[in-house]
PDB file of N, CA and C in Angstrom:
ATOM      1  N   MET A   1      12.579 -20.845 -22.767  1.00  0.00           N
ATOM      2  CA  MET A   1      11.951 -19.817 -23.562  1.00  0.00           C
ATOM      3  C   MET A   1      11.715 -20.399 -24.951  1.00  0.00           C
ATOM      4  N   SER A   2      10.525 -20.225 -25.448  1.00  0.00           N
ATOM      5  CA  SER A   2      10.214 -20.755 -26.765  1.00  0.00           C
ATOM      6  C   SER A   2      10.624 -19.768 -27.843  1.00  0.00           C
ATOM      7  N   VAL A   3      10.803 -20.304 -29.036  1.00  0.00           N
ATOM      8  CA  VAL A   3      11.200 -19.491 -30.178  1.00  0.00           C
ATOM      9  C   VAL A   3       9.956 -19.152 -30.984  1.00  0.00           C
ATOM     10  N   ILE A   4       9.811 -17.903 -31.341  1.00  0.00           N
ATOM     11  CA  ILE A   4       8.666 -17.463 -32.123  1.00  0.00           C
ATOM     12  C   ILE A   4       9.031 -17.604 -33.597  1.00  0.00           C
ATOM     13  N   THR A   5       8.174 -18.278 -34.342  1.00  0.00           N
ATOM     14  CA  THR A   5       8.425 -18.432 -35.768  1.00  0.00           C
ATOM     15  C   THR A   5       7.452 -17.559 -36.536  1.00  0.00           C
ATOM     16  N   THR A   6       7.799 -17.290 -37.795  1.00  0.00           N
ATOM     17  CA  THR A   6       6.925 -16.462 -38.623  1.00  0.00           C
ATOM     18  C   THR A   6       5.640 -17.198 -38.986  1.00  0.00           C
ATOM     19  N   ALA A   7       5.599 -18.523 -38.812  1.00  0.00           N
ATOM     20  CA  ALA A   7       4.409 -19.303 -39.129  1.00  0.00           C
ATOM     21  C   ALA A   7       3.389 -19.275 -37.989  1.00  0.00           C
ATOM     22  N   ALA A   8       3.740 -18.667 -36.883  1.00  0.00           N
ATOM     23  CA  ALA A   8       2.829 -18.624 -35.740  1.00  0.00           C
ATOM     24  C   ALA A   8       1.628 -17.740 -36.054  1.00  0.00           C
ATOM     25  N   THR A   9       0.492 -18.160 -35.551  1.00  0.00           N
ATOM     26  CA  THR A   9      -0.704 -17.332 -35.704  1.00  0.00           C
ATOM     27  C   THR A   9      -0.602 -16.159 -34.739  1.00  0.00           C
ATOM     28  N   PRO A  10      -1.384 -15.114 -34.973  1.00  0.00           N
ATOM     29  CA  PRO A  10      -1.365 -13.999 -34.018  1.00  0.00           C
ATOM     30  C   PRO A  10      -1.702 -14.451 -32.594  1.00  0.00           C
ATOM     31  N   GLU A  11      -2.637 -15.375 -32.465  1.00  0.00           N
ATOM     32  CA  GLU A  11      -3.012 -15.866 -31.135  1.00  0.00           C
ATOM     33  C   GLU A  11      -1.852 -16.592 -30.465  1.00  0.00           C
ATOM     34  N   GLU A  12      -1.112 -17.398 -31.257  1.00  0.00           N
ATOM     35  CA  GLU A  12       0.047 -18.106 -30.711  1.00  0.00           C
ATOM     36  C   GLU A  12       1.152 -17.126 -30.338  1.00  0.00           C
ATOM     37  N   LEU A  13       1.347 -16.145 -31.168  1.00  0.00           N
ATOM     38  CA  LEU A  13       2.354 -15.120 -30.899  1.00  0.00           C
ATOM     39  C   LEU A  13       2.027 -14.368 -29.604  1.00  0.00           C
ATOM     40  N   ILE A  14       0.775 -13.999 -29.447  1.00  0.00           N
ATOM     41  CA  ILE A  14       0.345 -13.287 -28.237  1.00  0.00           C
ATOM     42  C   ILE A  14       0.500 -14.174 -27.011  1.00  0.00           C
ATOM     43  N   ALA A  15       0.059 -15.426 -27.091  1.00  0.00           N
ATOM     44  CA  ALA A  15       0.158 -16.338 -25.948  1.00  0.00           C
ATOM     45  C   ALA A  15       1.616 -16.557 -25.550  1.00  0.00           C
ATOM     46  N   ASP A  16       2.478 -16.782 -26.546  1.00  0.00           N
ATOM     47  CA  ASP A  16       3.891 -16.993 -26.265  1.00  0.00           C
ATOM     48  C   ASP A  16       4.515 -15.746 -25.653  1.00  0.00           C
ATOM     49  N   SER A  17       4.187 -14.600 -26.196  1.00  0.00           N
ATOM     50  CA  SER A  17       4.736 -13.342 -25.679  1.00  0.00           C
ATOM     51  C   SER A  17       4.273 -13.085 -24.255  1.00  0.00           C
ATOM     52  N   ARG A  18       3.032 -13.406 -23.961  1.00  0.00           N
ATOM     53  CA  ARG A  18       2.524 -13.221 -22.592  1.00  0.00           C
ATOM     54  C   ARG A  18       3.229 -14.154 -21.620  1.00  0.00           C
ATOM     55  N   GLU A  19       3.519 -15.370 -22.048  1.00  0.00           N
ATOM     56  CA  GLU A  19       4.276 -16.292 -21.194  1.00  0.00           C
ATOM     57  C   GLU A  19       5.665 -15.730 -20.909  1.00  0.00           C
ATOM     58  N   ARG A  20       6.292 -15.178 -21.930  1.00  0.00           N
ATOM     59  CA  ARG A  20       7.616 -14.582 -21.755  1.00  0.00           C
ATOM     60  C   ARG A  20       7.549 -13.389 -20.806  1.00  0.00           C
ATOM     61  N   ILE A  21       6.526 -12.558 -20.960  1.00  0.00           N
ATOM     62  CA  ILE A  21       6.356 -11.399 -20.073  1.00  0.00           C
ATOM     63  C   ILE A  21       6.175 -11.862 -18.632  1.00  0.00           C
ATOM     64  N   ASP A  22       5.354 -12.891 -18.427  1.00  0.00           N
ATOM     65  CA  ASP A  22       5.147 -13.417 -17.078  1.00  0.00           C
ATOM     66  C   ASP A  22       6.455 -13.929 -16.477  1.00  0.00           C
ATOM     67  N   ALA A  23       7.269 -14.602 -17.286  1.00  0.00           N
ATOM     68  CA  ALA A  23       8.555 -15.100 -16.801  1.00  0.00           C
ATOM     69  C   ALA A  23       9.494 -13.947 -16.466  1.00  0.00           C
ATOM     70  N   ILE A  24       9.495 -12.920 -17.295  1.00  0.00           N
ATOM     71  CA  ILE A  24      10.315 -11.738 -17.016  1.00  0.00           C
ATOM     72  C   ILE A  24       9.840 -11.059 -15.733  1.00  0.00           C
ATOM     73  N   ASP A  25       8.525 -10.917 -15.578  1.00  0.00           N
ATOM     74  CA  ASP A  25       7.983 -10.314 -14.353  1.00  0.00           C
ATOM     75  C   ASP A  25       8.412 -11.095 -13.122  1.00  0.00           C
ATOM     76  N   ASP A  26       8.389 -12.428 -13.201  1.00  0.00           N
ATOM     77  CA  ASP A  26       8.822 -13.248 -12.066  1.00  0.00           C
ATOM     78  C   ASP A  26      10.288 -12.989 -11.732  1.00  0.00           C
ATOM     79  N   ARG A  27      11.117 -12.826 -12.754  1.00  0.00           N
ATOM     80  CA  ARG A  27      12.534 -12.522 -12.519  1.00  0.00           C
ATOM     81  C   ARG A  27      12.691 -11.142 -11.894  1.00  0.00           C
ATOM     82  N   ILE A  28      11.928 -10.161 -12.382  1.00  0.00           N
ATOM     83  CA  ILE A  28      11.996  -8.800 -11.825  1.00  0.00           C
ATOM     84  C   ILE A  28      11.578  -8.822 -10.359  1.00  0.00           C
ATOM     85  N   ILE A  29      10.499  -9.527 -10.039  1.00  0.00           N
ATOM     86  CA  ILE A  29      10.039  -9.623  -8.650  1.00  0.00           C
ATOM     87  C   ILE A  29      11.127 -10.247  -7.783  1.00  0.00           C
ATOM     88  N   GLY A  30      11.761 -11.300  -8.267  1.00  0.00           N
ATOM     89  CA  GLY A  30      12.844 -11.928  -7.518  1.00  0.00           C
ATOM     90  C   GLY A  30      14.010 -10.977  -7.297  1.00  0.00           C
ATOM     91  N   LEU A  31      14.345 -10.195  -8.299  1.00  0.00           N
ATOM     92  CA  LEU A  31      15.429  -9.220  -8.160  1.00  0.00           C
ATOM     93  C   LEU A  31      15.071  -8.123  -7.166  1.00  0.00           C
ATOM     94  N   ILE A  32      13.817  -7.696  -7.172  1.00  0.00           N
ATOM     95  CA  ILE A  32      13.385  -6.680  -6.207  1.00  0.00           C
ATOM     96  C   ILE A  32      13.462  -7.246  -4.794  1.00  0.00           C
ATOM     97  N   GLN A  33      13.051  -8.492  -4.617  1.00  0.00           N
ATOM     98  CA  GLN A  33      13.149  -9.118  -3.296  1.00  0.00           C
ATOM     99  C   GLN A  33      14.608  -9.221  -2.855  1.00  0.00           C
ATOM    100  N   GLU A  34      15.489  -9.570  -3.789  1.00  0.00           N
ATOM    101  CA  GLU A  34      16.915  -9.640  -3.481  1.00  0.00           C
ATOM    102  C   GLU A  34      17.458  -8.255  -3.133  1.00  0.00           C
ATOM    103  N   ARG A  35      17.062  -7.229  -3.886  1.00  0.00           N
ATOM    104  CA  ARG A  35      17.513  -5.867  -3.631  1.00  0.00           C
ATOM    105  C   ARG A  35      17.037  -5.395  -2.261  1.00  0.00           C
ATOM    106  N   THR A  36      15.813  -5.739  -1.919  1.00  0.00           N
ATOM    107  CA  THR A  36      15.265  -5.373  -0.610  1.00  0.00           C
ATOM    108  C   THR A  36      16.084  -5.994   0.516  1.00  0.00           C
ATOM    109  N   ALA A  37      16.462  -7.254   0.368  1.00  0.00           N
ATOM    110  CA  ALA A  37      17.268  -7.923   1.389  1.00  0.00           C
ATOM    111  C   ALA A  37      18.642  -7.271   1.526  1.00  0.00           C
ATOM    112  N   VAL A  38      19.264  -6.935   0.410  1.00  0.00           N
ATOM    113  CA  VAL A  38      20.578  -6.286   0.450  1.00  0.00           C
ATOM    114  C   VAL A  38      20.450  -4.892   1.069  1.00  0.00           C
ATOM    115  N   SER A  39      19.390  -4.184   0.715  1.00  0.00           N
ATOM    116  CA  SER A  39      19.159  -2.853   1.276  1.00  0.00           C
ATOM    117  C   SER A  39      18.992  -2.920   2.788  1.00  0.00           C
ATOM    118  N   THR A  40      18.326  -3.957   3.270  1.00  0.00           N
ATOM    119  CA  THR A  40      18.149  -4.136   4.715  1.00  0.00           C
ATOM    120  C   THR A  40      19.500  -4.314   5.401  1.00  0.00           C
ATOM    121  N   VAL A  41      20.403  -5.072   4.788  1.00  0.00           N
ATOM    122  CA  VAL A  41      21.749  -5.260   5.346  1.00  0.00           C
ATOM    123  C   VAL A  41      22.469  -3.915   5.436  1.00  0.00           C
ATOM    124  N   VAL A  42      22.388  -3.116   4.377  1.00  0.00           N
ATOM    125  CA  VAL A  42      23.037  -1.806   4.362  1.00  0.00           C
ATOM    126  C   VAL A  42      22.447  -0.912   5.456  1.00  0.00           C
ATOM    127  N   GLN A  43      21.129  -0.879   5.552  1.00  0.00           N
ATOM    128  CA  GLN A  43      20.474  -0.038   6.548  1.00  0.00           C
ATOM    129  C   GLN A  43      20.867  -0.451   7.964  1.00  0.00           C
ATOM    130  N   GLU A  44      20.883  -1.748   8.226  1.00  0.00           N
ATOM    131  CA  GLU A  44      21.242  -2.228   9.565  1.00  0.00           C
ATOM    132  C   GLU A  44      22.691  -1.892   9.899  1.00  0.00           C
ATOM    133  N   ALA A  45      23.576  -2.021   8.921  1.00  0.00           N
ATOM    134  CA  ALA A  45      24.990  -1.682   9.147  1.00  0.00           C
ATOM    135  C   ALA A  45      25.154  -0.195   9.398  1.00  0.00           C
ATOM    136  N   ARG A  46      24.439   0.625   8.632  1.00  0.00           N
ATOM    137  CA  ARG A  46      24.527   2.070   8.812  1.00  0.00           C
ATOM    138  C   ARG A  46      24.029   2.469  10.204  1.00  0.00           C
ATOM    139  N   ILE A  47      22.917   1.889  10.639  1.00  0.00           N
ATOM    140  CA  ILE A  47      22.365   2.197  11.965  1.00  0.00           C
ATOM    141  C   ILE A  47      23.322   1.730  13.056  1.00  0.00           C
ATOM    142  N   ALA A  48      23.893   0.528  12.889  1.00  0.00           N
ATOM    143  CA  ALA A  48      24.838   0.003  13.882  1.00  0.00           C
ATOM    144  C   ALA A  48      26.065   0.898  14.007  1.00  0.00           C
ATOM    145  N   ALA A  49      26.418   1.592  12.933  1.00  0.00           N
ATOM    146  CA  ALA A  49      27.576   2.491  12.944  1.00  0.00           C
ATOM    147  C   ALA A  49      27.196   3.893  13.421  1.00  0.00           C
ATOM    148  N   GLY A  50      25.939   4.055  13.830  1.00  0.00           N
ATOM    149  CA  GLY A  50      25.496   5.343  14.350  1.00  0.00           C
ATOM    150  C   GLY A  50      24.914   6.271  13.308  1.00  0.00           C
ATOM    151  N   GLY A  51      24.726   5.775  12.123  1.00  0.00           N
ATOM    152  CA  GLY A  51      24.185   6.614  11.054  1.00  0.00           C
ATOM    153  C   GLY A  51      22.671   6.508  10.948  1.00  0.00           C
ATOM    154  N   ARG A  52      22.157   7.183   9.954  1.00  0.00           N
ATOM    155  CA  ARG A  52      20.721   7.151   9.688  1.00  0.00           C
ATOM    156  C   ARG A  52      20.406   5.985   8.771  1.00  0.00           C
ATOM    157  N   ARG A  53      19.198   5.516   8.854  1.00  0.00           N
ATOM    158  CA  ARG A  53      18.774   4.390   8.019  1.00  0.00           C
ATOM    159  C   ARG A  53      18.688   4.784   6.550  1.00  0.00           C
ATOM    160  N   VAL A  54      18.186   5.985   6.282  1.00  0.00           N
ATOM    161  CA  VAL A  54      18.035   6.454   4.911  1.00  0.00           C
ATOM    162  C   VAL A  54      19.144   7.446   4.611  1.00  0.00           C
ATOM    163  N   HIS A  55      19.821   7.233   3.484  1.00  0.00           N
ATOM    164  CA  HIS A  55      20.912   8.096   3.050  1.00  0.00           C
ATOM    165  C   HIS A  55      20.423   8.830   1.803  1.00  0.00           C
ATOM    166  N   LEU A  56      19.982  10.078   1.978  1.00  0.00           N
ATOM    167  CA  LEU A  56      19.314  10.806   0.902  1.00  0.00           C
ATOM    168  C   LEU A  56      20.193  11.045  -0.318  1.00  0.00           C
ATOM    169  N   SER A  57      21.474  11.314  -0.123  1.00  0.00           N
ATOM    170  CA  SER A  57      22.330  11.542  -1.290  1.00  0.00           C
ATOM    171  C   SER A  57      22.472  10.262  -2.104  1.00  0.00           C
ATOM    172  N   ARG A  58      22.498   9.110  -1.446  1.00  0.00           N
ATOM    173  CA  ARG A  58      22.548   7.832  -2.171  1.00  0.00           C
ATOM    174  C   ARG A  58      21.245   7.617  -2.938  1.00  0.00           C
ATOM    175  N   GLU A  59      20.126   7.967  -2.332  1.00  0.00           N
ATOM    176  CA  GLU A  59      18.849   7.823  -3.025  1.00  0.00           C
ATOM    177  C   GLU A  59      18.798   8.723  -4.256  1.00  0.00           C
ATOM    178  N   MET A  60      19.378   9.898  -4.170  1.00  0.00           N
ATOM    179  CA  MET A  60      19.418  10.789  -5.328  1.00  0.00           C
ATOM    180  C   MET A  60      20.269  10.183  -6.452  1.00  0.00           C
ATOM    181  N   GLU A  61      21.350   9.498  -6.087  1.00  0.00           N
ATOM    182  CA  GLU A  61      22.171   8.802  -7.087  1.00  0.00           C
ATOM    183  C   GLU A  61      21.360   7.715  -7.794  1.00  0.00           C
ATOM    184  N   VAL A  62      20.590   6.966  -7.017  1.00  0.00           N
ATOM    185  CA  VAL A  62      19.755   5.903  -7.580  1.00  0.00           C
ATOM    186  C   VAL A  62      18.713   6.505  -8.526  1.00  0.00           C
ATOM    187  N   LEU A  63      18.066   7.579  -8.094  1.00  0.00           N
ATOM    188  CA  LEU A  63      17.061   8.238  -8.934  1.00  0.00           C
ATOM    189  C   LEU A  63      17.678   8.727 -10.245  1.00  0.00           C
ATOM    190  N   ALA A  64      18.858   9.318 -10.173  1.00  0.00           N
ATOM    191  CA  ALA A  64      19.522   9.810 -11.375  1.00  0.00           C
ATOM    192  C   ALA A  64      19.878   8.661 -12.316  1.00  0.00           C
ATOM    193  N   HIS A  65      20.331   7.564 -11.755  1.00  0.00           N
ATOM    194  CA  HIS A  65      20.697   6.398 -12.563  1.00  0.00           C
ATOM    195  C   HIS A  65      19.488   5.874 -13.344  1.00  0.00           C
ATOM    196  N   TRP A  66      18.367   5.722 -12.669  1.00  0.00           N
ATOM    197  CA  TRP A  66      17.155   5.222 -13.321  1.00  0.00           C
ATOM    198  C   TRP A  66      16.612   6.245 -14.315  1.00  0.00           C
ATOM    199  N   SER A  67      16.682   7.504 -13.970  1.00  0.00           N
ATOM    200  CA  SER A  67      16.214   8.555 -14.864  1.00  0.00           C
ATOM    201  C   SER A  67      17.061   8.611 -16.129  1.00  0.00           C
ATOM    202  N   ASP A  68      18.369   8.496 -15.973  1.00  0.00           N
ATOM    203  CA  ASP A  68      19.263   8.498 -17.135  1.00  0.00           C
ATOM    204  C   ASP A  68      18.960   7.312 -18.054  1.00  0.00           C
ATOM    205  N   ALA A  69      18.639   6.172 -17.462  1.00  0.00           N
ATOM    206  CA  ALA A  69      18.401   4.965 -18.256  1.00  0.00           C
ATOM    207  C   ALA A  69      17.022   4.931 -18.891  1.00  0.00           C
ATOM    208  N   LEU A  70      16.007   5.444 -18.167  1.00  0.00           N
ATOM    209  CA  LEU A  70      14.627   5.259 -18.618  1.00  0.00           C
ATOM    210  C   LEU A  70      13.809   6.537 -18.714  1.00  0.00           C
ATOM    211  N   GLY A  71      14.424   7.675 -18.460  1.00  0.00           N
ATOM    212  CA  GLY A  71      13.686   8.933 -18.521  1.00  0.00           C
ATOM    213  C   GLY A  71      12.771   9.123 -17.320  1.00  0.00           C
ATOM    214  N   LYS A  72      11.783   9.997 -17.485  1.00  0.00           N
ATOM    215  CA  LYS A  72      10.870  10.330 -16.387  1.00  0.00           C
ATOM    216  C   LYS A  72      10.185   9.102 -15.785  1.00  0.00           C
ATOM    217  N   PRO A  73       9.722   8.141 -16.598  1.00  0.00           N
ATOM    218  CA  PRO A  73       9.124   6.945 -15.991  1.00  0.00           C
ATOM    219  C   PRO A  73      10.124   6.173 -15.123  1.00  0.00           C
ATOM    220  N   GLY A  74      11.412   6.245 -15.472  1.00  0.00           N
ATOM    221  CA  GLY A  74      12.437   5.600 -14.662  1.00  0.00           C
ATOM    222  C   GLY A  74      12.528   6.200 -13.273  1.00  0.00           C
ATOM    223  N   THR A  75      12.341   7.509 -13.194  1.00  0.00           N
ATOM    224  CA  THR A  75      12.361   8.178 -11.894  1.00  0.00           C
ATOM    225  C   THR A  75      11.206   7.687 -11.031  1.00  0.00           C
ATOM    226  N   ALA A  76      10.022   7.578 -11.621  1.00  0.00           N
ATOM    227  CA  ALA A  76       8.861   7.094 -10.879  1.00  0.00           C
ATOM    228  C   ALA A  76       9.071   5.646 -10.440  1.00  0.00           C
ATOM    229  N   LEU A  77       9.630   4.847 -11.314  1.00  0.00           N
ATOM    230  CA  LEU A  77       9.900   3.454 -10.981  1.00  0.00           C
ATOM    231  C   LEU A  77      10.924   3.361  -9.851  1.00  0.00           C
ATOM    232  N   ALA A  78      11.966   4.181  -9.926  1.00  0.00           N
ATOM    233  CA  ALA A  78      12.989   4.189  -8.875  1.00  0.00           C
ATOM    234  C   ALA A  78      12.411   4.634  -7.539  1.00  0.00           C
ATOM    235  N   MET A  79      11.517   5.607  -7.565  1.00  0.00           N
ATOM    236  CA  MET A  79      10.880   6.049  -6.312  1.00  0.00           C
ATOM    237  C   MET A  79      10.127   4.889  -5.660  1.00  0.00           C
ATOM    238  N   THR A  80       9.411   4.129  -6.466  1.00  0.00           N
ATOM    239  CA  THR A  80       8.681   2.974  -5.939  1.00  0.00           C
ATOM    240  C   THR A  80       9.657   1.925  -5.415  1.00  0.00           C
ATOM    241  N   LEU A  81      10.717   1.686  -6.160  1.00  0.00           N
ATOM    242  CA  LEU A  81      11.723   0.720  -5.740  1.00  0.00           C
ATOM    243  C   LEU A  81      12.369   1.137  -4.421  1.00  0.00           C
ATOM    244  N   LEU A  82      12.715   2.404  -4.307  1.00  0.00           N
ATOM    245  CA  LEU A  82      13.303   2.887  -3.056  1.00  0.00           C
ATOM    246  C   LEU A  82      12.319   2.741  -1.896  1.00  0.00           C
ATOM    247  N   GLU A  83      11.064   3.025  -2.137  1.00  0.00           N
ATOM    248  CA  GLU A  83      10.049   2.878  -1.100  1.00  0.00           C
ATOM    249  C   GLU A  83       9.938   1.422  -0.650  1.00  0.00           C
ATOM    250  N   LEU A  84       9.954   0.515  -1.594  1.00  0.00           N
ATOM    251  CA  LEU A  84       9.897  -0.910  -1.256  1.00  0.00           C
ATOM    252  C   LEU A  84      11.119  -1.346  -0.463  1.00  0.00           C
ATOM    253  N   CYS A  85      12.275  -0.849  -0.847  1.00  0.00           N
ATOM    254  CA  CYS A  85      13.530  -1.322  -0.249  1.00  0.00           C
ATOM    255  C   CYS A  85      13.880  -0.660   1.077  1.00  0.00           C
ATOM    256  N   ARG A  86      13.376   0.537   1.293  1.00  0.00           N
ATOM    257  CA  ARG A  86      13.772   1.204   2.548  1.00  0.00           C
ATOM    258  C   ARG A  86      12.897   0.780   3.712  1.00  0.00           C
ATOM    259  N   GLY A  87      11.752   0.203   3.440  1.00  0.00           N
ATOM    260  CA  GLY A  87      10.879  -0.227   4.522  1.00  0.00           C
ATOM    261  C   GLY A  87      10.231   0.966   5.192  1.00  0.00           C
ATOM    262  N   ARG A  88       9.764   0.745   6.371  1.00  0.00           N
ATOM    263  CA  ARG A  88       9.106   1.821   7.113  1.00  0.00           C
ATOM    264  C   ARG A  88      10.118   2.845   7.579  1.00  0.00           C
ATOM    265  N   VAL A  89       9.851   4.097   7.261  1.00  0.00           N
ATOM    266  CA  VAL A  89      10.751   5.185   7.675  1.00  0.00           C
ATOM    267  C   VAL A  89      10.200   5.831   8.923  1.00  0.00           C
TER     268      VAL A  89
END
């Protein structure tokens, strides 16, 4: 990660910031892929134990956690994350 100095031009500042955003996005995508894999393990274990693949009370906990941290947009983000991680229902 590069260090932004006060001598940077606006164009340099924007370019550097965009590079940082792209790197952060790549990390977020990797974390979502990791979360999806872990969620698949949980779902398979739950099904093997005779349970349902989707556990609605757990999903409500996840929604509340994201909402508490990020407000209403957090809820929307969590809904998308849950959709990605639960796979086809």
